[in-house]
Protein backbone atom coordinates (compact mmCIF):
# COMPACT_ATOMS: atom_id res chain seq x y z
CA MET A 1 134.26 -88.91 -84.40
CA LYS A 2 136.20 -85.64 -84.36
CA PHE A 3 132.97 -83.72 -83.75
CA PHE A 4 131.97 -86.06 -80.91
CA VAL A 5 135.31 -85.65 -79.13
CA THR A 6 135.12 -81.87 -79.60
CA VAL A 7 131.64 -81.78 -78.08
CA LEU A 8 132.81 -83.98 -75.20
CA GLY A 9 135.70 -81.59 -74.54
CA LEU A 10 133.39 -78.57 -74.64
CA LEU A 11 131.03 -80.31 -72.23
CA MET A 12 133.90 -80.87 -69.80
CA VAL A 13 134.90 -77.20 -70.05
CA LEU A 14 131.34 -76.06 -69.33
CA GLU A 15 130.98 -78.53 -66.45
CA GLY A 16 134.27 -77.47 -64.89
CA LEU A 17 133.87 -73.69 -65.09
CA PRO A 18 131.55 -73.28 -62.08
CA TYR A 19 133.86 -75.37 -59.88
CA PHE A 20 136.86 -73.28 -60.94
CA ALA A 21 135.15 -69.90 -60.71
CA PHE A 22 132.97 -70.43 -57.60
CA PRO A 23 134.25 -73.39 -55.55
CA GLU A 24 132.65 -72.30 -52.28
CA LYS A 25 129.27 -71.70 -53.88
CA MET A 26 129.44 -75.08 -55.64
CA GLN A 27 130.14 -76.78 -52.29
CA ALA A 28 127.09 -75.07 -50.79
CA PHE A 29 125.04 -76.08 -53.84
CA MET A 30 126.14 -79.71 -53.46
CA ARG A 31 125.09 -79.66 -49.79
CA GLN A 32 121.65 -78.46 -50.87
CA ILE A 33 121.44 -81.22 -53.49
CA GLU A 34 122.18 -83.84 -50.81
CA LYS A 35 119.03 -82.73 -48.99
CA MET A 36 116.80 -82.95 -52.07
CA ASN A 37 114.33 -85.73 -52.63
CA PRO A 38 115.80 -88.27 -55.11
CA ASP A 39 112.58 -88.17 -57.13
CA HIS A 40 113.00 -84.42 -57.66
CA LEU A 41 116.61 -84.94 -58.78
CA ARG A 42 115.49 -87.65 -61.18
CA LEU A 43 112.80 -85.36 -62.61
CA ALA A 44 115.32 -82.52 -63.02
CA GLY A 45 117.69 -84.90 -64.83
CA LEU A 46 114.91 -86.12 -67.12
CA VAL A 47 113.78 -82.59 -67.97
CA SER A 48 117.36 -81.50 -68.62
CA THR A 49 117.95 -84.51 -70.87
CA LEU A 50 114.76 -83.91 -72.85
CA ILE A 51 115.57 -80.22 -73.32
CA GLY A 52 119.07 -81.14 -74.51
CA LEU A 53 117.67 -83.67 -76.98
CA LEU A 54 115.14 -81.11 -78.23
CA ILE A 55 117.89 -78.53 -78.77
CA CYS A 56 119.97 -81.10 -80.69
CA TYR A 57 116.97 -82.05 -82.82
CA VAL A 58 116.04 -78.46 -83.63
CA VAL A 59 119.60 -77.50 -84.53
CA GLN A 60 120.01 -80.57 -86.76
CA LYS A 61 116.69 -80.01 -88.54
CA THR A 62 116.97 -76.27 -89.05
CA CYS A 63 120.73 -75.99 -89.63
CA ILE A 64 120.66 -72.47 -88.21
CA PHE A 65 124.30 -72.73 -87.10
CA SER A 66 125.86 -74.01 -90.31
């Protein structure tokens, strides 16, 4: 559970950094996202999720960071 909460905290840090460092650019990026086709957003989310799962799987199987 400690590891999960640590990962969740790190995720929040990584998600928040662009908004803190580049707020105007993030607003412009969000305006561009509003114009995107929902199917393209869904595909980008799926690809991102699958890449994340693949990274987790590879790290767990190879233990290269332990």
